[in-house]
PDB file of all heavy atoms in Angstrom:
ATOM      1  N   VAL A   1       0.846  -1.150   0.003  1.00  0.00           N
ATOM      2  CA  VAL A   1       0.004  -0.024  -0.019  1.00  0.00           C
ATOM      3  C   VAL A   1       0.877   1.214   0.028  1.00  0.00           C
ATOM      4  O   VAL A   1       1.843   1.331   0.772  1.00  0.00           O
ATOM      5  CB  VAL A   1      -0.916   0.041   1.239  1.00  0.00           C
ATOM      6  CG1 VAL A   1      -1.822   1.263   1.251  1.00  0.00           C
ATOM      7  CG2 VAL A   1      -1.720  -1.239   1.360  1.00  0.00           C
ATOM      8  N   THR A   2       0.632   2.171  -0.897  1.00  0.00           N
ATOM      9  CA  THR A   2       1.398   3.366  -0.885  1.00  0.00           C
ATOM     10  C   THR A   2       0.539   4.609  -0.802  1.00  0.00           C
ATOM     11  O   THR A   2      -0.553   4.647  -1.360  1.00  0.00           O
ATOM     12  CB  THR A   2       2.374   3.497  -2.158  1.00  0.00           C
ATOM     13  OG1 THR A   2       3.207   4.615  -1.999  1.00  0.00           O
ATOM     14  CG2 THR A   2       1.529   3.583  -3.457  1.00  0.00           C
ATOM     15  N   GLN A   3       1.060   5.586  -0.104  1.00  0.00           N
ATOM     16  CA  GLN A   3       0.455   6.915  -0.026  1.00  0.00           C
ATOM     17  C   GLN A   3       0.906   7.760  -1.211  1.00  0.00           C
ATOM     18  O   GLN A   3       0.429   8.861  -1.427  1.00  0.00           O
ATOM     19  CB  GLN A   3       0.763   7.625   1.258  1.00  0.00           C
ATOM     20  CG  GLN A   3       0.252   6.891   2.519  1.00  0.00           C
ATOM     21  CD  GLN A   3       0.728   7.506   3.788  1.00  0.00           C
ATOM     22  OE1 GLN A   3       0.172   8.454   4.332  1.00  0.00           O
ATOM     23  NE2 GLN A   3       1.910   7.032   4.289  1.00  0.00           N
ATOM     24  N   ASN A   4       1.904   7.286  -1.940  1.00  0.00           N
ATOM     25  CA  ASN A   4       2.523   8.066  -3.000  1.00  0.00           C
ATOM     26  C   ASN A   4       1.698   7.961  -4.279  1.00  0.00           C
ATOM     27  O   ASN A   4       1.148   6.917  -4.605  1.00  0.00           O
ATOM     28  CB  ASN A   4       3.949   7.513  -3.262  1.00  0.00           C
ATOM     29  CG  ASN A   4       4.842   7.660  -2.047  1.00  0.00           C
ATOM     30  OD1 ASN A   4       4.583   8.466  -1.166  1.00  0.00           O
ATOM     31  ND2 ASN A   4       5.854   6.847  -1.980  1.00  0.00           N
ATOM     32  N   ILE A   5       1.685   9.031  -5.032  1.00  0.00           N
ATOM     33  CA  ILE A   5       0.955   9.067  -6.252  1.00  0.00           C
ATOM     34  C   ILE A   5       1.863   8.877  -7.493  1.00  0.00           C
ATOM     35  O   ILE A   5       1.437   8.937  -8.620  1.00  0.00           O
ATOM     36  CB  ILE A   5       0.114  10.360  -6.429  1.00  0.00           C
ATOM     37  CG1 ILE A   5       0.992  11.605  -6.401  1.00  0.00           C
ATOM     38  CG2 ILE A   5      -0.951  10.423  -5.327  1.00  0.00           C
ATOM     39  CD1 ILE A   5       0.200  12.904  -6.644  1.00  0.00           C
ATOM     40  N   ASP A   6       3.151   8.616  -7.229  1.00  0.00           N
ATOM     41  CA  ASP A   6       4.083   8.313  -8.339  1.00  0.00           C
ATOM     42  C   ASP A   6       3.998   6.866  -8.746  1.00  0.00           C
ATOM     43  O   ASP A   6       3.324   6.051  -8.115  1.00  0.00           O
ATOM     44  CB  ASP A   6       5.538   8.696  -7.924  1.00  0.00           C
ATOM     45  CG  ASP A   6       6.033   7.914  -6.735  1.00  0.00           C
ATOM     46  OD1 ASP A   6       6.098   6.679  -6.819  1.00  0.00           O
ATOM     47  OD2 ASP A   6       6.390   8.519  -5.695  1.00  0.00           O
ATOM     48  N   ASP A   7       4.741   6.518  -9.816  1.00  0.00           N
ATOM     49  CA  ASP A   7       4.673   5.155 -10.325  1.00  0.00           C
ATOM     50  C   ASP A   7       6.012   4.411 -10.070  1.00  0.00           C
ATOM     51  O   ASP A   7       6.318   3.430 -10.770  1.00  0.00           O
ATOM     52  CB  ASP A   7       4.375   5.126 -11.835  1.00  0.00           C
ATOM     53  CG  ASP A   7       5.517   5.747 -12.654  1.00  0.00           C
ATOM     54  OD1 ASP A   7       6.263   6.585 -12.115  1.00  0.00           O
ATOM     55  OD2 ASP A   7       5.548   5.432 -13.863  1.00  0.00           O
ATOM     56  N   LEU A   8       6.790   4.813  -9.085  1.00  0.00           N
ATOM     57  CA  LEU A   8       8.100   4.293  -8.900  1.00  0.00           C
ATOM     58  C   LEU A   8       8.071   2.851  -8.389  1.00  0.00           C
ATOM     59  O   LEU A   8       8.964   2.053  -8.653  1.00  0.00           O
ATOM     60  CB  LEU A   8       8.918   5.160  -7.987  1.00  0.00           C
ATOM     61  CG  LEU A   8       9.258   6.539  -8.545  1.00  0.00           C
ATOM     62  CD1 LEU A   8      10.044   7.376  -7.522  1.00  0.00           C
ATOM     63  CD2 LEU A   8      10.053   6.410  -9.836  1.00  0.00           C
ATOM     64  N   HIS A   9       7.020   2.454  -7.642  1.00  0.00           N
ATOM     65  CA  HIS A   9       6.913   1.054  -7.238  1.00  0.00           C
ATOM     66  C   HIS A   9       6.718   0.173  -8.491  1.00  0.00           C
ATOM     67  O   HIS A   9       7.364  -0.874  -8.600  1.00  0.00           O
ATOM     68  CB  HIS A   9       5.692   0.855  -6.298  1.00  0.00           C
ATOM     69  CG  HIS A   9       6.016   1.235  -4.861  1.00  0.00           C
ATOM     70  ND1 HIS A   9       7.035   0.683  -4.126  1.00  0.00           N
ATOM     71  CD2 HIS A   9       5.419   2.109  -4.058  1.00  0.00           C
ATOM     72  CE1 HIS A   9       7.061   1.226  -2.930  1.00  0.00           C
ATOM     73  NE2 HIS A   9       6.056   2.088  -2.848  1.00  0.00           N
ATOM     74  N   GLU A  10       5.872   0.605  -9.377  1.00  0.00           N
ATOM     75  CA  GLU A  10       5.669  -0.177 -10.573  1.00  0.00           C
ATOM     76  C   GLU A  10       6.927  -0.255 -11.471  1.00  0.00           C
ATOM     77  O   GLU A  10       7.320  -1.308 -11.969  1.00  0.00           O
ATOM     78  CB  GLU A  10       4.538   0.393 -11.422  1.00  0.00           C
ATOM     79  CG  GLU A  10       3.140   0.135 -10.838  1.00  0.00           C
ATOM     80  CD  GLU A  10       2.690   1.151  -9.765  1.00  0.00           C
ATOM     81  OE1 GLU A  10       3.542   2.015  -9.383  1.00  0.00           O
ATOM     82  OE2 GLU A  10       1.579   1.094  -9.295  1.00  0.00           O
ATOM     83  N   ARG A  11       7.616   0.859 -11.552  1.00  0.00           N
ATOM     84  CA  ARG A  11       8.897   0.868 -12.322  1.00  0.00           C
ATOM     85  C   ARG A  11       9.937   0.023 -11.613  1.00  0.00           C
ATOM     86  O   ARG A  11      10.895  -0.468 -12.269  1.00  0.00           O
ATOM     87  CB  ARG A  11       9.352   2.289 -12.532  1.00  0.00           C
ATOM     88  CG  ARG A  11       8.586   3.035 -13.588  1.00  0.00           C
ATOM     89  CD  ARG A  11       9.370   4.254 -14.039  1.00  0.00           C
ATOM     90  NE  ARG A  11       8.812   5.492 -13.521  1.00  0.00           N
ATOM     91  CZ  ARG A  11       9.477   6.658 -13.550  1.00  0.00           C
ATOM     92  NH1 ARG A  11      10.681   6.730 -14.063  1.00  0.00           N
ATOM     93  NH2 ARG A  11       8.908   7.749 -13.094  1.00  0.00           N
ATOM     94  N   GLY A  12       9.818  -0.140 -10.275  1.00  0.00           N
ATOM     95  CA  GLY A  12      10.724  -0.931  -9.550  1.00  0.00           C
ATOM     96  C   GLY A  12      10.402  -2.460  -9.563  1.00  0.00           C
ATOM     97  O   GLY A  12      11.080  -3.252  -8.961  1.00  0.00           O
ATOM     98  N   GLY A  13       9.319  -2.808 -10.267  1.00  0.00           N
ATOM     99  CA  GLY A  13       9.027  -4.235 -10.443  1.00  0.00           C
ATOM    100  C   GLY A  13       7.727  -4.720  -9.760  1.00  0.00           C
ATOM    101  O   GLY A  13       7.338  -5.853  -9.962  1.00  0.00           O
ATOM    102  N   ALA A  14       7.112  -3.879  -8.927  1.00  0.00           N
ATOM    103  CA  ALA A  14       5.871  -4.318  -8.264  1.00  0.00           C
ATOM    104  C   ALA A  14       4.696  -4.228  -9.238  1.00  0.00           C
ATOM    105  O   ALA A  14       4.647  -3.353 -10.096  1.00  0.00           O
ATOM    106  CB  ALA A  14       5.582  -3.440  -7.039  1.00  0.00           C
ATOM    107  N   ARG A  15       3.795  -5.185  -9.115  1.00  0.00           N
ATOM    108  CA  ARG A  15       2.633  -5.230 -10.064  1.00  0.00           C
ATOM    109  C   ARG A  15       1.293  -5.089  -9.352  1.00  0.00           C
ATOM    110  O   ARG A  15       0.268  -4.826 -10.039  1.00  0.00           O
ATOM    111  CB  ARG A  15       2.706  -6.555 -10.818  1.00  0.00           C
ATOM    112  CG  ARG A  15       3.883  -6.639 -11.774  1.00  0.00           C
ATOM    113  CD  ARG A  15       3.789  -5.627 -12.917  1.00  0.00           C
ATOM    114  NE  ARG A  15       4.973  -5.589 -13.728  1.00  0.00           N
ATOM    115  CZ  ARG A  15       5.970  -4.738 -13.624  1.00  0.00           C
ATOM    116  NH1 ARG A  15       5.944  -3.801 -12.683  1.00  0.00           N
ATOM    117  NH2 ARG A  15       7.015  -4.768 -14.473  1.00  0.00           N
ATOM    118  N   GLN A  16       1.242  -5.302  -8.046  1.00  0.00           N
ATOM    119  CA  GLN A  16      -0.074  -5.273  -7.324  1.00  0.00           C
ATOM    120  C   GLN A  16       0.032  -4.160  -6.266  1.00  0.00           C
ATOM    121  O   GLN A  16       0.079  -4.464  -5.099  1.00  0.00           O
ATOM    122  CB  GLN A  16      -0.347  -6.618  -6.745  1.00  0.00           C
ATOM    123  CG  GLN A  16      -0.367  -7.752  -7.742  1.00  0.00           C
ATOM    124  CD  GLN A  16      -1.494  -7.629  -8.752  1.00  0.00           C
ATOM    125  OE1 GLN A  16      -2.634  -7.149  -8.427  1.00  0.00           O
ATOM    126  NE2 GLN A  16      -1.263  -8.030  -9.976  1.00  0.00           N
ATOM    127  N   VAL A  17       0.077  -2.925  -6.653  1.00  0.00           N
ATOM    128  CA  VAL A  17       0.260  -1.793  -5.731  1.00  0.00           C
ATOM    129  C   VAL A  17      -1.132  -1.126  -5.508  1.00  0.00           C
ATOM    130  O   VAL A  17      -1.831  -0.822  -6.426  1.00  0.00           O
ATOM    131  CB  VAL A  17       1.219  -0.775  -6.309  1.00  0.00           C
ATOM    132  CG1 VAL A  17       1.480   0.312  -5.258  1.00  0.00           C
ATOM    133  CG2 VAL A  17       2.539  -1.416  -6.701  1.00  0.00           C
ATOM    134  N   VAL A  18      -1.434  -0.955  -4.218  1.00  0.00           N
ATOM    135  CA  VAL A  18      -2.643  -0.237  -3.857  1.00  0.00           C
ATOM    136  C   VAL A  18      -2.267   1.248  -3.633  1.00  0.00           C
ATOM    137  O   VAL A  18      -1.571   1.600  -2.703  1.00  0.00           O
ATOM    138  CB  VAL A  18      -3.275  -0.792  -2.586  1.00  0.00           C
ATOM    139  CG1 VAL A  18      -4.479   0.104  -2.140  1.00  0.00           C
ATOM    140  CG2 VAL A  18      -3.723  -2.197  -2.789  1.00  0.00           C
ATOM    141  N   HIS A  19      -2.698   2.117  -4.570  1.00  0.00           N
ATOM    142  CA  HIS A  19      -2.419   3.571  -4.455  1.00  0.00           C
ATOM    143  C   HIS A  19      -3.579   4.191  -3.702  1.00  0.00           C
ATOM    144  O   HIS A  19      -4.535   4.663  -4.325  1.00  0.00           O
ATOM    145  CB  HIS A  19      -2.241   4.146  -5.837  1.00  0.00           C
ATOM    146  CG  HIS A  19      -0.964   3.877  -6.494  1.00  0.00           C
ATOM    147  ND1 HIS A  19       0.139   4.709  -6.340  1.00  0.00           N
ATOM    148  CD2 HIS A  19      -0.582   2.864  -7.315  1.00  0.00           C
ATOM    149  CE1 HIS A  19       1.150   4.191  -7.067  1.00  0.00           C
ATOM    150  NE2 HIS A  19       0.727   3.067  -7.632  1.00  0.00           N
ATOM    151  N   MET A  20      -3.491   4.290  -2.434  1.00  0.00           N
ATOM    152  CA  MET A  20      -4.601   4.718  -1.642  1.00  0.00           C
ATOM    153  C   MET A  20      -4.920   6.205  -1.829  1.00  0.00           C
ATOM    154  O   MET A  20      -6.033   6.667  -1.599  1.00  0.00           O
ATOM    155  CB  MET A  20      -4.446   4.451  -0.127  1.00  0.00           C
ATOM    156  CG  MET A  20      -3.245   5.086   0.524  1.00  0.00           C
ATOM    157  SD  MET A  20      -3.106   4.690   2.281  1.00  0.00           S
ATOM    158  CE  MET A  20      -4.566   5.504   3.000  1.00  0.00           C
ATOM    159  N   HIS A  21      -3.929   6.950  -2.321  1.00  0.00           N
ATOM    160  CA  HIS A  21      -4.140   8.373  -2.574  1.00  0.00           C
ATOM    161  C   HIS A  21      -4.194   8.710  -4.085  1.00  0.00           C
ATOM    162  O   HIS A  21      -4.097   9.850  -4.497  1.00  0.00           O
ATOM    163  CB  HIS A  21      -3.019   9.249  -1.918  1.00  0.00           C
ATOM    164  CG  HIS A  21      -3.135   9.230  -0.436  1.00  0.00           C
ATOM    165  ND1 HIS A  21      -2.068   9.601   0.379  1.00  0.00           N
ATOM    166  CD2 HIS A  21      -4.127   8.888   0.395  1.00  0.00           C
ATOM    167  CE1 HIS A  21      -2.434   9.548   1.631  1.00  0.00           C
ATOM    168  NE2 HIS A  21      -3.685   9.083   1.667  1.00  0.00           N
ATOM    169  N   GLY A  22      -4.351   7.636  -4.913  1.00  0.00           N
ATOM    170  CA  GLY A  22      -4.497   7.837  -6.308  1.00  0.00           C
ATOM    171  C   GLY A  22      -3.168   7.778  -7.089  1.00  0.00           C
ATOM    172  O   GLY A  22      -2.133   7.450  -6.489  1.00  0.00           O
ATOM    173  N   GLU A  23      -3.263   8.177  -8.371  1.00  0.00           N
ATOM    174  CA  GLU A  23      -2.102   8.054  -9.220  1.00  0.00           C
ATOM    175  C   GLU A  23      -1.957   9.314 -10.074  1.00  0.00           C
ATOM    176  O   GLU A  23      -2.899   9.717 -10.746  1.00  0.00           O
ATOM    177  CB  GLU A  23      -2.212   6.865 -10.117  1.00  0.00           C
ATOM    178  CG  GLU A  23      -2.298   5.508  -9.372  1.00  0.00           C
ATOM    179  CD  GLU A  23      -2.434   4.348 -10.291  1.00  0.00           C
ATOM    180  OE1 GLU A  23      -1.495   4.086 -11.061  1.00  0.00           O
ATOM    181  OE2 GLU A  23      -3.514   3.689 -10.253  1.00  0.00           O
ATOM    182  N   LEU A  24      -0.766   9.898 -10.051  1.00  0.00           N
ATOM    183  CA  LEU A  24      -0.482  11.074 -10.806  1.00  0.00           C
ATOM    184  C   LEU A  24      -0.570  10.873 -12.323  1.00  0.00           C
ATOM    185  O   LEU A  24      -0.961  11.778 -13.067  1.00  0.00           O
ATOM    186  CB  LEU A  24       0.921  11.583 -10.430  1.00  0.00           C
ATOM    187  CG  LEU A  24       1.312  12.979 -11.015  1.00  0.00           C
ATOM    188  CD1 LEU A  24       0.330  14.090 -10.594  1.00  0.00           C
ATOM    189  CD2 LEU A  24       2.722  13.297 -10.517  1.00  0.00           C
TER     190      LEU A  24
END
């Protein structure tokens, strides 16, 4: 779960990220 609205988790290889504050 991330509070971040960036996509760095996905670019780091994660595929199932919960963006609780949305996505930029």
